[in-house]
Amino acid sequence: MPPLSAQDALSAVQRGVPWRWLDVPVALADVASEPWVVVLLALALFAWLEYEVKDVVKAFLPLGVALLATIGVALAARALGAVPRPVGEGGAGTASLLLRQAFPTAKVGAVAAFTAYALLAYGRRARATLVLAAAVAVARAVSGTHWLADLAGGAAAGAALGAGAYAAALRAWPRGHLARLRGARRRPPDAGEAVAERPSA
């Protein structure tokens, strides 16, 4: 049985609307949500925002832990008896029982962890991650391989683990790289050195 009903609202939309024109963008977003691709995207973003390789590594390590934890949580939940995927998915040809389980989705969780962590670490400079998160959410929704609860559970778990990894890194290294990034964001903008001259009396 599905977690909420035999056919939740998401599956009703999937069956009622033709999505053929979305096949290519959905496939691209689906690939972008693979955990190993998320790792590459994170490294690319951090390399763009940082100046030195060592800072990229320092910024990525807590996120790497969060991504591993997200995948571990998804696999553990499935092993403990998660509900099956929607009808027609994960049939007899599926290689593993874990692949036939749906809750929570590790792909959405990985993207949510990346998004939450990047926004906390870099603020508005990491806004592009929101586009990725939205694209992956839509792609997984219209692909028909998950229930609505699977997507929500994966997103919540991933975001919590990403934020938790950021908070843990700040606590473990209060003067580390992430703390310096936060301090730079909180520093008031420079008023500038040019000061208007007072009119002479």
Protein backbone atom coordinates (compact mmCIF):
# COMPACT_ATOMS: atom_id res chain seq x y z
CA MET A 1 0.00 0.00 0.00
CA PRO A 2 1.20 3.55 -0.70
CA PRO A 3 1.85 5.72 2.34
CA LEU A 4 -1.32 7.81 2.12
CA SER A 5 -3.73 6.34 -0.42
CA ALA A 6 -3.92 4.04 -3.41
CA GLN A 7 -3.42 7.04 -5.67
CA ASP A 8 -2.15 10.26 -4.17
CA ALA A 9 -2.70 13.69 -5.72
CA LEU A 10 0.68 13.65 -7.44
CA SER A 11 0.06 10.35 -9.24
CA ALA A 12 -3.35 11.62 -10.36
CA VAL A 13 -1.71 14.61 -12.03
CA GLN A 14 0.94 12.39 -13.61
CA ARG A 15 -1.70 10.19 -15.23
CA GLY A 16 -3.97 13.04 -16.27
CA VAL A 17 -1.50 15.28 -18.12
CA PRO A 18 0.70 14.35 -21.11
CA TRP A 19 4.33 15.09 -20.26
CA ARG A 20 6.04 13.96 -23.49
CA TRP A 21 7.35 17.43 -24.28
CA LEU A 22 9.16 17.43 -20.94
CA ASP A 23 11.01 14.17 -21.53
CA VAL A 24 14.40 15.73 -22.39
CA PRO A 25 14.54 18.38 -19.62
CA VAL A 26 13.22 15.83 -17.13
CA ALA A 27 15.95 13.39 -18.14
CA LEU A 28 18.63 16.10 -17.78
CA ALA A 29 17.36 17.14 -14.34
CA ASP A 30 17.18 13.49 -13.32
CA VAL A 31 20.84 13.00 -14.23
CA ALA A 32 21.77 16.20 -12.39
CA SER A 33 20.24 14.76 -9.23
CA GLU A 34 22.51 11.71 -9.18
CA PRO A 35 24.62 12.00 -6.00
CA TRP A 36 27.91 11.78 -7.90
CA VAL A 37 26.77 14.57 -10.23
CA VAL A 38 25.74 16.65 -7.20
CA VAL A 39 29.30 16.23 -5.91
CA LEU A 40 30.70 17.53 -9.21
CA LEU A 41 28.25 20.44 -9.26
CA ALA A 42 29.17 21.35 -5.69
CA LEU A 43 32.88 21.29 -6.45
CA ALA A 44 32.30 23.41 -9.57
CA LEU A 45 30.25 25.98 -7.65
CA PHE A 46 32.69 26.19 -4.76
CA ALA A 47 35.62 26.50 -7.19
CA TRP A 48 33.78 29.41 -8.83
CA LEU A 49 33.14 31.15 -5.51
CA GLU A 50 36.51 30.49 -3.88
CA TYR A 51 39.99 31.70 -4.77
CA GLU A 52 42.15 28.77 -3.65
CA VAL A 53 41.87 25.01 -3.98
CA LYS A 54 42.34 24.48 -0.24
CA ASP A 55 39.30 26.67 0.44
CA VAL A 56 37.24 24.61 -2.01
CA VAL A 57 38.21 21.47 -0.10
CA LYS A 58 37.42 23.07 3.26
CA ALA A 59 34.02 24.18 2.02
CA PHE A 60 33.19 20.81 0.47
CA LEU A 61 34.16 18.39 3.26
CA PRO A 62 31.13 19.07 5.54
CA LEU A 63 28.83 18.83 2.53
CA GLY A 64 30.43 15.53 1.56
CA VAL A 65 29.56 14.17 4.99
CA ALA A 66 25.99 15.44 4.61
CA LEU A 67 25.62 13.76 1.21
CA LEU A 68 26.85 10.43 2.56
CA ALA A 69 24.48 10.75 5.52
CA THR A 70 21.56 11.52 3.19
CA ILE A 71 22.20 8.42 1.12
CA GLY A 72 22.64 6.36 4.29
CA VAL A 73 19.33 7.58 5.71
CA ALA A 74 17.52 6.77 2.46
CA LEU A 75 18.98 3.26 2.26
CA ALA A 76 18.32 2.60 5.95
CA ALA A 77 14.68 3.71 5.65
CA ARG A 78 14.18 1.46 2.66
CA ALA A 79 15.84 -1.50 4.35
CA LEU A 80 13.59 -1.05 7.39
CA GLY A 81 10.45 -1.47 5.30
CA ALA A 82 9.73 1.54 3.15
CA VAL A 83 6.66 1.47 0.93
CA PRO A 84 7.04 0.33 -2.71
CA ARG A 85 7.20 2.68 -5.64
CA PRO A 86 4.02 3.59 -7.55
CA VAL A 87 2.37 0.83 -9.60
CA GLY A 88 4.41 -0.13 -12.62
CA GLU A 89 7.78 0.79 -11.10
CA GLY A 90 10.37 -1.59 -9.69
CA GLY A 91 8.92 -4.78 -11.10
CA ALA A 92 10.36 -8.27 -11.16
CA GLY A 93 13.35 -7.21 -13.25
CA THR A 94 14.63 -4.78 -10.64
CA ALA A 95 18.13 -5.72 -9.52
CA SER A 96 17.67 -5.03 -5.84
CA LEU A 97 14.83 -4.85 -3.34
CA LEU A 98 16.15 -1.47 -2.20
CA LEU A 99 15.57 -0.07 -5.69
CA ARG A 100 11.91 -1.09 -5.48
CA GLN A 101 11.40 0.98 -2.34
CA ALA A 102 10.53 4.63 -2.65
CA PHE A 103 10.74 6.49 0.66
CA PRO A 104 12.65 8.71 0.93
CA THR A 105 14.20 9.61 -2.41
CA ALA A 106 17.98 9.87 -2.12
CA LYS A 107 18.29 12.03 -5.25
CA VAL A 108 16.02 14.78 -3.99
CA GLY A 109 17.68 14.46 -0.59
CA ALA A 110 21.16 14.97 -2.05
CA VAL A 111 20.09 18.06 -3.98
CA ALA A 112 18.29 19.46 -0.92
CA ALA A 113 21.41 18.93 1.22
CA PHE A 114 23.55 20.70 -1.38
CA THR A 115 21.10 23.59 -1.68
CA ALA A 116 20.69 24.13 2.05
CA TYR A 117 24.41 23.90 2.73
CA ALA A 118 25.42 26.19 -0.14
CA LEU A 119 22.88 28.87 0.79
CA LEU A 120 24.01 28.83 4.41
CA ALA A 121 27.69 28.95 3.46
CA TYR A 122 27.56 31.48 0.62
CA GLY A 123 24.24 33.24 0.95
CA ARG A 124 22.89 34.93 -2.16
CA ARG A 125 25.97 33.99 -4.17
CA ALA A 126 24.67 30.41 -4.21
CA ARG A 127 21.18 31.28 -5.47
CA ALA A 128 21.71 29.10 -8.53
CA THR A 129 21.26 26.02 -6.35
CA LEU A 130 17.60 26.96 -5.93
CA VAL A 131 17.13 26.58 -9.70
CA LEU A 132 18.68 23.12 -9.55
CA ALA A 133 16.48 22.13 -6.60
CA ALA A 134 13.32 23.31 -8.35
CA ALA A 135 14.23 21.54 -11.59
CA VAL A 136 14.96 18.26 -9.82
CA ALA A 137 11.74 18.47 -7.79
CA VAL A 138 9.68 18.95 -10.95
CA ALA A 139 11.57 16.21 -12.80
CA ARG A 140 11.07 13.66 -10.04
CA ALA A 141 7.42 14.67 -9.68
CA VAL A 142 6.50 14.19 -13.34
CA SER A 143 8.63 11.07 -13.87
CA GLY A 144 6.13 8.99 -11.89
CA THR A 145 8.72 7.01 -9.91
CA HIS A 146 7.85 8.43 -6.48
CA TRP A 147 4.91 9.27 -4.29
CA LEU A 148 4.50 12.84 -3.05
CA ALA A 149 5.53 11.72 0.44
CA ASP A 150 8.78 10.30 -0.96
CA LEU A 151 9.75 13.65 -2.44
CA ALA A 152 8.79 15.60 0.66
CA GLY A 153 10.61 13.17 2.95
CA GLY A 154 13.76 13.23 0.85
CA ALA A 155 13.77 17.03 0.65
CA ALA A 156 13.22 17.43 4.40
CA ALA A 157 15.90 14.90 5.33
CA GLY A 158 18.43 16.34 2.89
CA ALA A 159 17.86 19.95 3.92
CA ALA A 160 18.11 19.03 7.60
CA LEU A 161 21.34 17.10 7.08
CA GLY A 162 22.85 19.86 4.94
CA ALA A 163 22.01 22.51 7.53
CA GLY A 164 23.20 20.20 10.31
CA ALA A 165 26.55 19.65 8.59
CA TYR A 166 27.01 23.41 8.26
CA ALA A 167 26.15 24.03 11.91
CA ALA A 168 28.40 21.18 13.07
CA ALA A 169 31.32 22.54 11.04
CA LEU A 170 30.88 25.99 12.59
CA ARG A 171 30.81 24.50 16.07
CA ALA A 172 33.83 22.25 15.45
CA TRP A 173 35.91 25.00 13.82
CA PRO A 174 34.64 28.35 15.15
CA ARG A 175 37.49 30.16 13.41
CA GLY A 176 37.52 28.00 10.30
CA HIS A 177 36.79 28.81 6.69
CA LEU A 178 32.99 28.66 7.00
CA ALA A 179 33.11 30.98 10.00
CA ARG A 180 35.17 33.47 7.99
CA LEU A 181 32.67 33.30 5.15
CA ARG A 182 29.83 33.99 7.56
CA GLY A 183 31.73 36.89 9.11
CA ALA A 184 32.35 38.39 5.68
CA ARG A 185 28.63 38.23 4.86
CA ARG A 186 27.68 39.88 8.15
CA ARG A 187 30.25 42.66 7.82
CA PRO A 188 28.53 45.95 6.98
CA PRO A 189 29.30 47.26 3.49
CA ASP A 190 32.12 49.74 3.22
CA ALA A 191 30.81 53.26 3.11
CA GLY A 192 33.61 54.16 0.74
CA GLU A 193 36.62 56.30 1.16
CA ALA A 194 35.37 59.17 -0.88
CA VAL A 195 33.70 61.75 1.36
CA ALA A 196 31.82 64.68 -0.07
CA GLU A 197 33.55 67.99 0.54
CA ARG A 198 31.75 70.48 2.72
CA PRO A 199 30.92 73.74 1.03
CA SER A 200 33.24 76.52 2.10
CA ALA A 201 31.78 79.23 4.26
